[in-house]
Amino acid sequence: MIKISHYILLLSLLHFSFYTEAQNFDDSDGNQQSLQLNTITTAVPFLLIAPDSRAGSMGDVGVATKPDANSMHWNPAKYAFVEDDMGFSISYVPWLRALVPDINLSYLAGYRKLSSNEVLGLEMRYFSLGDITFTNNDGNTIGQYKPNEFALGSSYSRKLADAFSLAIAGRWVYSDLTGGTSVGGIETKPGSTFAADIAAYYFLPRRIYKKDFDLAFGMNVSNMGDKISYTETAVRDFIPLNLRLGTSISTEIDDYNKISFAFDINKLLVPTPPEYDNRTNLGTDSLGNPIDNPNYGEIISGKDPNVSVVSGMFQSFNDAPGGFKEEMREINISIGSEYWYNNQFAIRAGYFNEHDTKGARKYFTFGSGVKYNVFELDFSYLVNTNRDAGVTNPLANTMRFTLLFDFGEI
């Protein structure tokens, strides 16, 4: 159970940001340089959590991998290429267990073919933040609550050609972090919004050097939606509007063995925090530490983040205070591989990399899967690889569990 002041609770749950000091490193000339953290934060970040074990064991790749029931999250356009008439999956992810014991994500997704070229997809995502004990500034308990967030979504995918498909998706997002508790004298409320996705998938079987290969390319622009707020007066926060691009290649080694490789890049399409000309002290927090407001004064580098969703989406490509170099740091890279034996047993592995100034998530993933007739069971495990001093990955040792069912003609 977590005890936390109202003010810190609201900020922590809104953004899941973990503050670290500027880190020193040696450049190629042996000179000491400083990396200043400039993480992009949004509301409802649970929308970007990889929900399934297959992608979770392949470094969080998924926009161009072989379609399955969980394609709704990664790229709903892949549904148009599913082989079975119907399928669904159930996933469970214990989250941030390196920090707290009772945060978890539950995910249900599925699809149904409407015709040979059209597929309907559905998803339901529930994120529980565990038991929270609310205290006032004096440390006195004033109540308990279980903050939660959930999203309901559907998609429509259609083949426009033998090798190409498009999809549109929509979801309703609901976030209740405080249960209506007053924070600093301000009444809070649940936040809600509607978001949409646009996705594309290109599947290209090819014969190269007398060997059959399946090439695929994918794109998904997800969570295009209005900003969200938890009070009537607070500034509204962006939701995690996101661009994902990727490719994959797979081949059958022989009648029993098949292997595939995938590569994704990922970028948030929301404004980067600019650099301001001063920091204004706002007093102290419940632990007696000074509270600084970096978002004060004139902007000396970067662009104003208080813009519309559409403006922020386009601005996100050229608004970083560090220029082009910092823009490139905002791109996360994922690579993954998958091996199947006799289409019954799978072994998977991958790697995810995020720049030190943008969150410092760096980890290996691996997992396995067992398939029998219409049933498949998958498992994944995450291993933190960022061993720098002062950097802690709260995702360390994360496990995912997924149960899938695929049905042929029905």
Foldseek 3Di string as FASTA:
>chain_A
DDEDEQVVLVVCQQFVDDDFAWDWDQDPVRDIDTFGFFADTFGPPVLLDDFFQVCQQFQNDDFWDQDDQPCVSRFVQNVQVDFFQKKKKWKKWQFLCVVPGDWIKIKIKMWGDPDNFKIKIWMKIKIWPDKYFYAHLVRDTDDIDIWMKMKIKMKMKGDPDPFKIKMKMKMKIKTDRDVQDQHPNFTWAIKIKMFMKIKMKGWDWDQDPNFIKIKMKMKMFTGQIFFIGGGPPDDTTHHFGKIKIKMKMKGAPDQFKIKMKMKMKMAGQAAGDAFADDWDWPFAGSVRHTDIDRPDHDGPFFDDRPDGSVVSRVSLQAGYRVGPVVSVLRMKMKMKMWMGGNNFKIKMKIWIAHDPSHRGFTWIKIWMKGDDQFKIKIKMFIAGDDPDPRDDDSRHGIMMIMIMGGHHDD
